[in-house]
Protein backbone atom coordinates (compact mmCIF):
# COMPACT_ATOMS: atom_id res chain seq x y z
CA MET A 1 75.90 109.00 70.61
CA SER A 2 77.34 106.78 68.31
CA GLY A 3 77.88 103.10 69.36
CA ARG A 4 75.54 103.37 72.53
CA GLY A 5 72.37 101.98 71.25
CA LYS A 6 68.87 103.33 71.91
CA GLY A 7 68.43 106.04 74.87
CA GLY A 8 71.40 104.78 76.76
CA LYS A 9 73.80 107.36 78.49
CA GLY A 10 77.25 105.35 78.54
CA LEU A 11 79.21 103.96 81.29
CA GLY A 12 79.26 106.23 84.68
CA LYS A 13 76.74 108.59 83.35
CA ALA A 14 73.60 107.38 84.63
CA GLY A 15 73.84 109.07 88.33
CA PRO A 16 73.41 107.55 91.73
CA LEU A 17 71.24 104.65 91.83
CA ARG A 18 70.15 105.42 95.67
CA HIS A 19 69.42 108.40 97.44
CA ARG A 20 70.33 109.01 100.66
CA LYS A 21 67.90 109.53 103.68
CA VAL A 22 66.84 113.16 104.24
CA ILE A 23 68.70 113.62 107.99
CA ARG A 24 65.94 116.04 109.27
CA ASP A 25 63.22 113.93 108.85
CA SER A 26 65.23 110.54 110.70
CA ILE A 27 63.47 111.07 113.90
CA TYR A 28 60.37 110.28 112.76
CA GLY A 29 62.11 106.49 111.92
CA ILE A 30 61.08 106.21 115.62
CA THR A 31 57.89 105.04 115.24
CA LYS A 32 54.50 105.42 117.24
CA PRO A 33 54.64 101.67 118.04
CA ALA A 34 58.26 101.71 118.89
CA ILE A 35 57.75 104.30 121.55
CA ARG A 36 54.61 102.37 123.17
CA ARG A 37 57.10 99.11 123.18
CA LEU A 38 59.51 101.39 125.22
CA ALA A 39 56.93 102.61 127.60
CA ARG A 40 55.78 99.16 127.82
CA ARG A 41 59.15 98.16 128.87
CA GLY A 42 59.16 101.08 131.42
CA GLY A 43 55.93 99.83 133.15
CA VAL A 44 53.56 102.34 131.30
CA PHE A 45 50.01 101.10 130.58
CA ARG A 46 48.29 103.73 129.05
CA LEU A 47 50.02 106.81 126.64
CA ASN A 48 48.52 110.20 125.89
CA GLY A 49 48.57 111.04 122.16
CA MET A 50 50.78 114.02 122.58
CA ILE A 51 53.44 111.94 124.41
CA TYR A 52 54.88 110.61 121.12
CA GLU A 53 56.30 114.01 119.91
CA GLU A 54 57.74 114.51 123.11
CA MET A 55 59.57 111.42 123.19
CA ARG A 56 61.17 112.16 120.20
CA SER A 57 62.54 115.30 121.08
CA VAL A 58 63.78 113.61 124.69
CA LEU A 59 65.30 110.73 122.79
CA LYS A 60 67.05 113.14 120.16
CA ALA A 61 68.31 115.52 123.07
CA PHE A 62 69.84 112.28 124.85
CA LEU A 63 71.27 110.63 121.70
CA GLU A 64 72.79 113.82 120.06
CA PRO A 65 75.87 114.10 122.28
CA VAL A 66 76.37 110.48 122.92
CA LEU A 67 76.71 109.86 118.80
CA ARG A 68 78.80 113.11 118.70
CA ILE A 69 81.14 111.78 121.33
CA ALA A 70 80.92 107.97 119.91
CA ILE A 71 81.63 109.61 116.24
CA THR A 72 84.81 111.55 117.54
CA TYR A 73 86.04 108.20 119.10
CA THR A 74 85.85 106.61 115.68
CA GLU A 75 87.73 109.42 113.87
CA TYR A 76 90.39 109.54 116.36
CA ALA A 77 90.92 105.52 115.50
CA ARG A 78 90.80 106.48 111.73
CA ARG A 79 87.62 104.36 111.36
CA LYS A 80 84.71 104.43 109.13
CA THR A 81 82.56 102.31 111.07
CA VAL A 82 81.25 103.07 114.67
CA ILE A 83 81.44 99.79 117.10
CA ALA A 84 80.02 99.10 120.33
CA SER A 85 82.88 100.03 122.13
CA ASP A 86 82.81 103.36 120.72
CA VAL A 87 79.23 104.03 122.09
CA ILE A 88 80.20 102.50 125.35
CA GLN A 89 82.87 104.97 126.19
CA ALA A 90 80.57 107.63 124.94
CA LEU A 91 78.05 106.61 127.38
CA ASN A 92 80.60 106.47 130.29
CA TRP A 93 81.59 109.96 129.47
CA THR A 94 78.27 111.40 129.22
CA GLY A 95 77.70 109.62 132.52
CA TYR A 96 75.67 106.82 131.88
CA PRO A 97 78.08 103.90 132.36
CA LEU A 98 76.68 100.65 130.77
CA TYR A 99 78.40 97.47 132.58
CA GLY A 100 78.58 94.09 131.44
CA PHE A 101 78.80 94.41 127.62
C-alpha cells in the first residue's frame, strides 16, 4: 500500500458507486397513489383495499409482452435505447394500436 496514503484502495479498486434496483420488486414502484390516479382517470370513485395487488398483476401481465416486443425492435435496430416508435410498433403488434403519436 505504498504511495496511496491512508486507507485508499487505488484507482479502479473501489467497486461500483451505484447499485441497480432489484428487478423482482420493481412492480412495487407503481405506488398506491399512482393506481388511484389511474382509476380516477377511468372514472372510478372508490377503491377496495385488495385492488392494488390485483392492479399491479394485471398491469404486469399487459406490459410484459409489449415490452418484450419493443426490446426486440430495439435490438434489431442495434440500439441500446428503446424509443417511442418501438413501443408504438409493439402496441400495434399486440393488438392495441395507438394513433396520433
